[in-house]
Amino acid sequence: MLRILIDENFDQRILRGLKRQIERLDYVIVQETELAGSKDSPLLAWAAEQQRILVTHDVNTVPKYAYDRIRAGAPMTSVIIVPEDPAIGNAI
């Protein structure tokens, strides 16, 4: 089962397509949790704690915080960064 955390800035149309393609998609949307409005570092920490992959469009800051966690030896799950400009079908 794929366990993901959908960042606040993520295109919900892509999420809808993923839900159609992956029958047992286990997802949490940041804005539907107590994490709403959180910075990247706490999101990455929560994702690691919950063993979820962070899915985001944020190419500017998420990689920096992810690499900081790795360098510090902190728990880290994967991050999927989807550029904002690809066709939705390609992103899915």
PDB file of N, CA and C in Angstrom:
ATOM      1  N   MET A   1       0.844  -1.175   0.000  1.00  0.00           N
ATOM      2  CA  MET A   1       0.000   0.000   0.000  1.00  0.00           C
ATOM      3  C   MET A   1       0.892   1.242   0.000  1.00  0.00           C
ATOM      4  N   LEU A   2       0.544   2.192  -0.828  1.00  0.00           N
ATOM      5  CA  LEU A   2       1.285   3.443  -0.920  1.00  0.00           C
ATOM      6  C   LEU A   2       0.715   4.433   0.095  1.00  0.00           C
ATOM      7  N   ARG A   3       1.577   4.901   1.014  1.00  0.00           N
ATOM      8  CA  ARG A   3       1.166   5.842   2.055  1.00  0.00           C
ATOM      9  C   ARG A   3       1.783   7.204   1.749  1.00  0.00           C
ATOM     10  N   ILE A   4       0.931   8.197   1.467  1.00  0.00           N
ATOM     11  CA  ILE A   4       1.457   9.506   1.084  1.00  0.00           C
ATOM     12  C   ILE A   4       0.850  10.623   1.924  1.00  0.00           C
ATOM     13  N   LEU A   5       1.599  11.707   1.991  1.00  0.00           N
ATOM     14  CA  LEU A   5       1.159  12.951   2.616  1.00  0.00           C
ATOM     15  C   LEU A   5       1.129  13.991   1.507  1.00  0.00           C
ATOM     16  N   ILE A   6      -0.043  14.541   1.240  1.00  0.00           N
ATOM     17  CA  ILE A   6      -0.230  15.516   0.168  1.00  0.00           C
ATOM     18  C   ILE A   6      -0.033  16.911   0.739  1.00  0.00           C
ATOM     19  N   ASP A   7       0.961  17.619   0.212  1.00  0.00           N
ATOM     20  CA  ASP A   7       1.273  18.972   0.676  1.00  0.00           C
ATOM     21  C   ASP A   7       0.125  19.928   0.326  1.00  0.00           C
ATOM     22  N   GLU A   8       0.078  21.029   1.058  1.00  0.00           N
ATOM     23  CA  GLU A   8      -0.999  22.005   0.871  1.00  0.00           C
ATOM     24  C   GLU A   8      -1.045  22.589  -0.530  1.00  0.00           C
ATOM     25  N   ASN A   9       0.081  22.705  -1.179  1.00  0.00           N
ATOM     26  CA  ASN A   9       0.117  23.337  -2.488  1.00  0.00           C
ATOM     27  C   ASN A   9      -0.121  22.356  -3.631  1.00  0.00           C
ATOM     28  N   PHE A  10      -0.387  21.099  -3.329  1.00  0.00           N
ATOM     29  CA  PHE A  10      -0.458  20.081  -4.368  1.00  0.00           C
ATOM     30  C   PHE A  10      -1.776  20.123  -5.129  1.00  0.00           C
ATOM     31  N   ASP A  11      -1.698  19.970  -6.449  1.00  0.00           N
ATOM     32  CA  ASP A  11      -2.856  20.018  -7.346  1.00  0.00           C
ATOM     33  C   ASP A  11      -3.799  18.844  -7.054  1.00  0.00           C
ATOM     34  N   GLN A  12      -4.994  19.160  -6.595  1.00  0.00           N
ATOM     35  CA  GLN A  12      -5.961  18.124  -6.219  1.00  0.00           C
ATOM     36  C   GLN A  12      -6.436  17.308  -7.414  1.00  0.00           C
ATOM     37  N   ARG A  13      -6.313  17.847  -8.623  1.00  0.00           N
ATOM     38  CA  ARG A  13      -6.681  17.075  -9.817  1.00  0.00           C
ATOM     39  C   ARG A  13      -5.729  15.894  -9.997  1.00  0.00           C
ATOM     40  N   ILE A  14      -4.469  16.098  -9.671  1.00  0.00           N
ATOM     41  CA  ILE A  14      -3.508  14.995  -9.739  1.00  0.00           C
ATOM     42  C   ILE A  14      -3.860  13.949  -8.691  1.00  0.00           C
ATOM     43  N   LEU A  15      -4.202  14.386  -7.496  1.00  0.00           N
ATOM     44  CA  LEU A  15      -4.602  13.449  -6.441  1.00  0.00           C
ATOM     45  C   LEU A  15      -5.814  12.635  -6.878  1.00  0.00           C
ATOM     46  N   ARG A  16      -6.802  13.272  -7.471  1.00  0.00           N
ATOM     47  CA  ARG A  16      -7.985  12.531  -7.938  1.00  0.00           C
ATOM     48  C   ARG A  16      -7.578  11.457  -8.950  1.00  0.00           C
ATOM     49  N   GLY A  17      -6.663  11.802  -9.857  1.00  0.00           N
ATOM     50  CA  GLY A  17      -6.187  10.822 -10.830  1.00  0.00           C
ATOM     51  C   GLY A  17      -5.435   9.676 -10.178  1.00  0.00           C
ATOM     52  N   LEU A  18      -4.630   9.997  -9.173  1.00  0.00           N
ATOM     53  CA  LEU A  18      -3.912   8.949  -8.441  1.00  0.00           C
ATOM     54  C   LEU A  18      -4.879   7.999  -7.761  1.00  0.00           C
ATOM     55  N   LYS A  19      -5.937   8.562  -7.176  1.00  0.00           N
ATOM     56  CA  LYS A  19      -6.926   7.721  -6.486  1.00  0.00           C
ATOM     57  C   LYS A  19      -7.611   6.773  -7.467  1.00  0.00           C
ATOM     58  N   ARG A  20      -7.796   7.206  -8.713  1.00  0.00           N
ATOM     59  CA  ARG A  20      -8.392   6.330  -9.721  1.00  0.00           C
ATOM     60  C   ARG A  20      -7.417   5.233 -10.158  1.00  0.00           C
ATOM     61  N   GLN A  21      -6.132   5.545 -10.169  1.00  0.00           N
ATOM     62  CA  GLN A  21      -5.120   4.608 -10.652  1.00  0.00           C
ATOM     63  C   GLN A  21      -4.636   3.622  -9.585  1.00  0.00           C
ATOM     64  N   ILE A  22      -4.609   4.068  -8.345  1.00  0.00           N
ATOM     65  CA  ILE A  22      -4.065   3.237  -7.251  1.00  0.00           C
ATOM     66  C   ILE A  22      -5.206   2.903  -6.302  1.00  0.00           C
ATOM     67  N   GLU A  23      -5.662   1.675  -6.399  1.00  0.00           N
ATOM     68  CA  GLU A  23      -6.850   1.248  -5.656  1.00  0.00           C
ATOM     69  C   GLU A  23      -6.727   1.444  -4.148  1.00  0.00           C
ATOM     70  N   ARG A  24      -5.582   1.130  -3.596  1.00  0.00           N
ATOM     71  CA  ARG A  24      -5.421   1.198  -2.140  1.00  0.00           C
ATOM     72  C   ARG A  24      -4.497   2.345  -1.739  1.00  0.00           C
ATOM     73  N   LEU A  25      -4.717   3.502  -2.319  1.00  0.00           N
ATOM     74  CA  LEU A  25      -3.917   4.674  -1.991  1.00  0.00           C
ATOM     75  C   LEU A  25      -4.290   5.160  -0.592  1.00  0.00           C
ATOM     76  N   ASP A  26      -3.319   5.214   0.276  1.00  0.00           N
ATOM     77  CA  ASP A  26      -3.521   5.679   1.649  1.00  0.00           C
ATOM     78  C   ASP A  26      -2.926   7.087   1.721  1.00  0.00           C
ATOM     79  N   TYR A  27      -3.784   8.094   1.712  1.00  0.00           N
ATOM     80  CA  TYR A  27      -3.293   9.462   1.659  1.00  0.00           C
ATOM     81  C   TYR A  27      -3.872  10.310   2.788  1.00  0.00           C
ATOM     82  N   VAL A  28      -3.090  11.302   3.160  1.00  0.00           N
ATOM     83  CA  VAL A  28      -3.503  12.314   4.126  1.00  0.00           C
ATOM     84  C   VAL A  28      -3.203  13.656   3.474  1.00  0.00           C
ATOM     85  N   ILE A  29      -4.171  14.562   3.523  1.00  0.00           N
ATOM     86  CA  ILE A  29      -3.995  15.897   2.961  1.00  0.00           C
ATOM     87  C   ILE A  29      -3.648  16.842   4.110  1.00  0.00           C
ATOM     88  N   VAL A  30      -2.543  17.544   3.967  1.00  0.00           N
ATOM     89  CA  VAL A  30      -2.037  18.392   5.055  1.00  0.00           C
ATOM     90  C   VAL A  30      -3.116  19.317   5.605  1.00  0.00           C
ATOM     91  N   GLN A  31      -3.870  19.989   4.731  1.00  0.00           N
ATOM     92  CA  GLN A  31      -4.834  20.968   5.241  1.00  0.00           C
ATOM     93  C   GLN A  31      -6.003  20.343   6.003  1.00  0.00           C
ATOM     94  N   GLU A  32      -6.120  19.030   5.980  1.00  0.00           N
ATOM     95  CA  GLU A  32      -7.169  18.348   6.743  1.00  0.00           C
ATOM     96  C   GLU A  32      -6.651  17.823   8.078  1.00  0.00           C
ATOM     97  N   THR A  33      -5.452  18.253   8.473  1.00  0.00           N
ATOM     98  CA  THR A  33      -4.852  17.789   9.719  1.00  0.00           C
ATOM     99  C   THR A  33      -4.410  18.986  10.566  1.00  0.00           C
ATOM    100  N   GLU A  34      -3.872  18.668  11.726  1.00  0.00           N
ATOM    101  CA  GLU A  34      -3.314  19.702  12.602  1.00  0.00           C
ATOM    102  C   GLU A  34      -2.042  20.305  12.010  1.00  0.00           C
ATOM    103  N   LEU A  35      -1.535  19.733  10.935  1.00  0.00           N
ATOM    104  CA  LEU A  35      -0.334  20.228  10.265  1.00  0.00           C
ATOM    105  C   LEU A  35      -0.622  21.405   9.331  1.00  0.00           C
ATOM    106  N   ALA A  36      -1.875  21.738   9.123  1.00  0.00           N
ATOM    107  CA  ALA A  36      -2.229  22.821   8.193  1.00  0.00           C
ATOM    108  C   ALA A  36      -1.435  24.081   8.536  1.00  0.00           C
ATOM    109  N   GLY A  37      -0.804  24.652   7.534  1.00  0.00           N
ATOM    110  CA  GLY A  37      -0.021  25.867   7.719  1.00  0.00           C
ATOM    111  C   GLY A  37       1.391  25.633   8.228  1.00  0.00           C
ATOM    112  N   SER A  38       1.775  24.373   8.422  1.00  0.00           N
ATOM    113  CA  SER A  38       3.113  24.070   8.949  1.00  0.00           C
ATOM    114  C   SER A  38       4.191  24.336   7.911  1.00  0.00           C
ATOM    115  N   LYS A  39       5.370  24.595   8.398  1.00  0.00           N
ATOM    116  CA  LYS A  39       6.548  24.759   7.549  1.00  0.00           C
ATOM    117  C   LYS A  39       7.016  23.377   7.077  1.00  0.00           C
ATOM    118  N   ASP A  40       7.976  23.369   6.169  1.00  0.00           N
ATOM    119  CA  ASP A  40       8.443  22.117   5.570  1.00  0.00           C
ATOM    120  C   ASP A  40       9.097  21.165   6.569  1.00  0.00           C
ATOM    121  N   SER A  41       9.903  21.678   7.461  1.00  0.00           N
ATOM    122  CA  SER A  41      10.616  20.820   8.401  1.00  0.00           C
ATOM    123  C   SER A  41       9.664  19.971   9.258  1.00  0.00           C
ATOM    124  N   PRO A  42       8.631  20.572   9.874  1.00  0.00           N
ATOM    125  CA  PRO A  42       7.690  19.747  10.640  1.00  0.00           C
ATOM    126  C   PRO A  42       6.914  18.753   9.770  1.00  0.00           C
ATOM    127  N   LEU A  43       6.626  19.124   8.527  1.00  0.00           N
ATOM    128  CA  LEU A  43       5.932  18.191   7.630  1.00  0.00           C
ATOM    129  C   LEU A  43       6.794  16.971   7.348  1.00  0.00           C
ATOM    130  N   LEU A  44       8.081  17.215   7.084  1.00  0.00           N
ATOM    131  CA  LEU A  44       8.981  16.101   6.819  1.00  0.00           C
ATOM    132  C   LEU A  44       9.152  15.222   8.050  1.00  0.00           C
ATOM    133  N   ALA A  45       9.198  15.826   9.217  1.00  0.00           N
ATOM    134  CA  ALA A  45       9.317  15.053  10.456  1.00  0.00           C
ATOM    135  C   ALA A  45       8.075  14.187  10.667  1.00  0.00           C
ATOM    136  N   TRP A  46       6.901  14.775  10.449  1.00  0.00           N
ATOM    137  CA  TRP A  46       5.647  14.034  10.619  1.00  0.00           C
ATOM    138  C   TRP A  46       5.557  12.908   9.600  1.00  0.00           C
ATOM    139  N   ALA A  47       5.923  13.200   8.342  1.00  0.00           N
ATOM    140  CA  ALA A  47       5.894  12.172   7.303  1.00  0.00           C
ATOM    141  C   ALA A  47       6.799  10.999   7.678  1.00  0.00           C
ATOM    142  N   ALA A  48       7.979  11.292   8.191  1.00  0.00           N
ATOM    143  CA  ALA A  48       8.899  10.227   8.601  1.00  0.00           C
ATOM    144  C   ALA A  48       8.318   9.428   9.753  1.00  0.00           C
ATOM    145  N   GLU A  49       7.756  10.128  10.719  1.00  0.00           N
ATOM    146  CA  GLU A  49       7.163   9.459  11.880  1.00  0.00           C
ATOM    147  C   GLU A  49       6.009   8.544  11.469  1.00  0.00           C
ATOM    148  N   GLN A  50       5.225   8.989  10.504  1.00  0.00           N
ATOM    149  CA  GLN A  50       4.054   8.230  10.051  1.00  0.00           C
ATOM    150  C   GLN A  50       4.361   7.303   8.866  1.00  0.00           C
ATOM    151  N   GLN A  51       5.624   7.298   8.450  1.00  0.00           N
ATOM    152  CA  GLN A  51       6.077   6.492   7.314  1.00  0.00           C
ATOM    153  C   GLN A  51       5.250   6.780   6.056  1.00  0.00           C
ATOM    154  N   ARG A  52       5.165   8.083   5.744  1.00  0.00           N
ATOM    155  CA  ARG A  52       4.455   8.538   4.553  1.00  0.00           C
ATOM    156  C   ARG A  52       5.412   9.278   3.635  1.00  0.00           C
ATOM    157  N   ILE A  53       5.174   9.174   2.364  1.00  0.00           N
ATOM    158  CA  ILE A  53       5.949   9.893   1.362  1.00  0.00           C
ATOM    159  C   ILE A  53       5.301  11.269   1.183  1.00  0.00           C
ATOM    160  N   LEU A  54       6.099  12.322   1.285  1.00  0.00           N
ATOM    161  CA  LEU A  54       5.581  13.669   1.052  1.00  0.00           C
ATOM    162  C   LEU A  54       5.512  13.913  -0.447  1.00  0.00           C
ATOM    163  N   VAL A  55       4.336  14.315  -0.935  1.00  0.00           N
ATOM    164  CA  VAL A  55       4.126  14.635  -2.341  1.00  0.00           C
ATOM    165  C   VAL A  55       3.844  16.131  -2.419  1.00  0.00           C
ATOM    166  N   THR A  56       4.651  16.844  -3.209  1.00  0.00           N
ATOM    167  CA  THR A  56       4.583  18.294  -3.213  1.00  0.00           C
ATOM    168  C   THR A  56       4.949  18.854  -4.584  1.00  0.00           C
ATOM    169  N   HIS A  57       4.638  20.116  -4.783  1.00  0.00           N
ATOM    170  CA  HIS A  57       5.116  20.866  -5.950  1.00  0.00           C
ATOM    171  C   HIS A  57       6.280  21.770  -5.548  1.00  0.00           C
ATOM    172  N   ASP A  58       6.623  21.821  -4.282  1.00  0.00           N
ATOM    173  CA  ASP A  58       7.587  22.779  -3.744  1.00  0.00           C
ATOM    174  C   ASP A  58       9.025  22.386  -4.069  1.00  0.00           C
ATOM    175  N   VAL A  59       9.513  22.850  -5.206  1.00  0.00           N
ATOM    176  CA  VAL A  59      10.884  22.552  -5.614  1.00  0.00           C
ATOM    177  C   VAL A  59      11.896  23.488  -4.961  1.00  0.00           C
ATOM    178  N   ASN A  60      11.416  24.553  -4.328  1.00  0.00           N
ATOM    179  CA  ASN A  60      12.321  25.567  -3.791  1.00  0.00           C
ATOM    180  C   ASN A  60      12.832  25.277  -2.386  1.00  0.00           C
ATOM    181  N   THR A  61      11.974  24.812  -1.489  1.00  0.00           N
ATOM    182  CA  THR A  61      12.423  24.656  -0.103  1.00  0.00           C
ATOM    183  C   THR A  61      12.415  23.223   0.415  1.00  0.00           C
ATOM    184  N   VAL A  62      11.507  22.369  -0.047  1.00  0.00           N
ATOM    185  CA  VAL A  62      11.439  21.007   0.488  1.00  0.00           C
ATOM    186  C   VAL A  62      12.763  20.260   0.314  1.00  0.00           C
ATOM    187  N   PRO A  63      13.419  20.319  -0.868  1.00  0.00           N
ATOM    188  CA  PRO A  63      14.687  19.583  -0.986  1.00  0.00           C
ATOM    189  C   PRO A  63      15.731  20.008   0.046  1.00  0.00           C
ATOM    190  N   LYS A  64      15.817  21.297   0.326  1.00  0.00           N
ATOM    191  CA  LYS A  64      16.787  21.779   1.318  1.00  0.00           C
ATOM    192  C   LYS A  64      16.530  21.145   2.674  1.00  0.00           C
ATOM    193  N   TYR A  65      15.271  21.181   3.124  1.00  0.00           N
ATOM    194  CA  TYR A  65      14.953  20.615   4.435  1.00  0.00           C
ATOM    195  C   TYR A  65      15.107  19.094   4.451  1.00  0.00           C
ATOM    196  N   ALA A  66      14.804  18.451   3.341  1.00  0.00           N
ATOM    197  CA  ALA A  66      14.990  17.000   3.261  1.00  0.00           C
ATOM    198  C   ALA A  66      16.475  16.647   3.388  1.00  0.00           C
ATOM    199  N   TYR A  67      17.322  17.353   2.649  1.00  0.00           N
ATOM    200  CA  TYR A  67      18.765  17.099   2.744  1.00  0.00           C
ATOM    201  C   TYR A  67      19.295  17.441   4.138  1.00  0.00           C
ATOM    202  N   ASP A  68      18.776  18.487   4.776  1.00  0.00           N
ATOM    203  CA  ASP A  68      19.177  18.814   6.145  1.00  0.00           C
ATOM    204  C   ASP A  68      18.879  17.652   7.088  1.00  0.00           C
ATOM    205  N   ARG A  69      17.703  17.030   6.931  1.00  0.00           N
ATOM    206  CA  ARG A  69      17.331  15.888   7.781  1.00  0.00           C
ATOM    207  C   ARG A  69      18.282  14.718   7.539  1.00  0.00           C
ATOM    208  N   ILE A  70      18.584  14.481   6.281  1.00  0.00           N
ATOM    209  CA  ILE A  70      19.474  13.362   5.949  1.00  0.00           C
ATOM    210  C   ILE A  70      20.867  13.600   6.534  1.00  0.00           C
ATOM    211  N   ARG A  71      21.400  14.808   6.349  1.00  0.00           N
ATOM    212  CA  ARG A  71      22.730  15.132   6.885  1.00  0.00           C
ATOM    213  C   ARG A  71      22.769  15.014   8.405  1.00  0.00           C
ATOM    214  N   ALA A  72      21.655  15.350   9.056  1.00  0.00           N
ATOM    215  CA  ALA A  72      21.597  15.285  10.513  1.00  0.00           C
ATOM    216  C   ALA A  72      21.348  13.860  11.025  1.00  0.00           C
ATOM    217  N   GLY A  73      21.092  12.929  10.106  1.00  0.00           N
ATOM    218  CA  GLY A  73      20.818  11.558  10.519  1.00  0.00           C
ATOM    219  C   GLY A  73      19.415  11.375  11.064  1.00  0.00           C
ATOM    220  N   ALA A  74      18.531  12.333  10.797  1.00  0.00           N
ATOM    221  CA  ALA A  74      17.143  12.242  11.261  1.00  0.00           C
ATOM    222  C   ALA A  74      16.375  11.268  10.360  1.00  0.00           C
ATOM    223  N   PRO A  75      15.339  10.643  10.915  1.00  0.00           N
ATOM    224  CA  PRO A  75      14.527   9.750  10.088  1.00  0.00           C
ATOM    225  C   PRO A  75      13.979  10.511   8.879  1.00  0.00           C
ATOM    226  N   MET A  76      13.950   9.831   7.748  1.00  0.00           N
ATOM    227  CA  MET A  76      13.513  10.492   6.527  1.00  0.00           C
ATOM    228  C   MET A  76      12.866   9.479   5.601  1.00  0.00           C
ATOM    229  N   THR A  77      11.661   9.790   5.153  1.00  0.00           N
ATOM    230  CA  THR A  77      11.027   8.979   4.116  1.00  0.00           C
ATOM    231  C   THR A  77      11.281   9.652   2.778  1.00  0.00           C
ATOM    232  N   SER A  78      10.686   9.144   1.762  1.00  0.00           N
ATOM    233  CA  SER A  78      10.866   9.713   0.428  1.00  0.00           C
ATOM    234  C   SER A  78      10.061  10.991   0.252  1.00  0.00           C
ATOM    235  N   VAL A  79      10.463  11.746  -0.760  1.00  0.00           N
ATOM    236  CA  VAL A  79       9.747  12.945  -1.178  1.00  0.00           C
ATOM    237  C   VAL A  79       9.557  12.834  -2.682  1.00  0.00           C
ATOM    238  N   ILE A  80       8.355  13.080  -3.136  1.00  0.00           N
ATOM    239  CA  ILE A  80       8.086  13.146  -4.567  1.00  0.00           C
ATOM    240  C   ILE A  80       7.751  14.587  -4.884  1.00  0.00           C
ATOM    241  N   ILE A  81       8.581  15.186  -5.739  1.00  0.00           N
ATOM    242  CA  ILE A  81       8.345  16.568  -6.142  1.00  0.00           C
ATOM    243  C   ILE A  81       7.885  16.548  -7.589  1.00  0.00           C
ATOM    244  N   VAL A  82       6.663  17.035  -7.789  1.00  0.00           N
ATOM    245  CA  VAL A  82       6.065  17.078  -9.116  1.00  0.00           C
ATOM    246  C   VAL A  82       6.092  18.527  -9.578  1.00  0.00           C
ATOM    247  N   PRO A  83       6.798  18.821 -10.665  1.00  0.00           N
ATOM    248  CA  PRO A  83       6.780  20.200 -11.163  1.00  0.00           C
ATOM    249  C   PRO A  83       5.340  20.655 -11.420  1.00  0.00           C
ATOM    250  N   GLU A  84       5.092  21.946 -11.288  1.00  0.00           N
ATOM    251  CA  GLU A  84       3.727  22.458 -11.442  1.00  0.00           C
ATOM    252  C   GLU A  84       3.252  22.509 -12.879  1.00  0.00           C
ATOM    253  N   ASP A  85       4.151  22.424 -13.847  1.00  0.00           N
ATOM    254  CA  ASP A  85       3.747  22.652 -15.216  1.00  0.00           C
ATOM    255  C   ASP A  85       3.488  21.423 -16.086  1.00  0.00           C
ATOM    256  N   PRO A  86       3.702  20.183 -15.622  1.00  0.00           N
ATOM    257  CA  PRO A  86       3.443  19.057 -16.539  1.00  0.00           C
ATOM    258  C   PRO A  86       1.942  18.827 -16.706  1.00  0.00           C
ATOM    259  N   ALA A  87       1.598  18.167 -17.800  1.00  0.00           N
ATOM    260  CA  ALA A  87       0.205  17.773 -17.999  1.00  0.00           C
ATOM    261  C   ALA A  87      -0.188  16.847 -16.854  1.00  0.00           C
ATOM    262  N   ILE A  88      -1.435  16.933 -16.438  1.00  0.00           N
ATOM    263  CA  ILE A  88      -1.905  16.136 -15.289  1.00  0.00           C
ATOM    264  C   ILE A  88      -1.682  14.647 -15.531  1.00  0.00           C
ATOM    265  N   GLY A  89      -1.966  14.180 -16.738  1.00  0.00           N
ATOM    266  CA  GLY A  89      -1.760  12.764 -17.052  1.00  0.00           C
ATOM    267  C   GLY A  89      -0.314  12.361 -16.891  1.00  0.00           C
ATOM    268  N   ASN A  90       0.611  13.207 -17.288  1.00  0.00           N
ATOM    269  CA  ASN A  90       2.040  12.919 -17.122  1.00  0.00           C
ATOM    270  C   ASN A  90       2.426  12.900 -15.654  1.00  0.00           C
ATOM    271  N   ALA A  91       1.854  13.790 -14.863  1.00  0.00           N
ATOM    272  CA  ALA A  91       2.163  13.839 -13.433  1.00  0.00           C
ATOM    273  C   ALA A  91       1.680  12.571 -12.733  1.00  0.00           C
ATOM    274  N   ILE A  92       0.516  12.104 -13.118  1.00  0.00           N
ATOM    275  CA  ILE A  92      -0.041  10.891 -12.511  1.00  0.00           C
ATOM    276  C   ILE A  92       0.849   9.702 -12.848  1.00  0.00           C
TER     277      ILE A  92
END
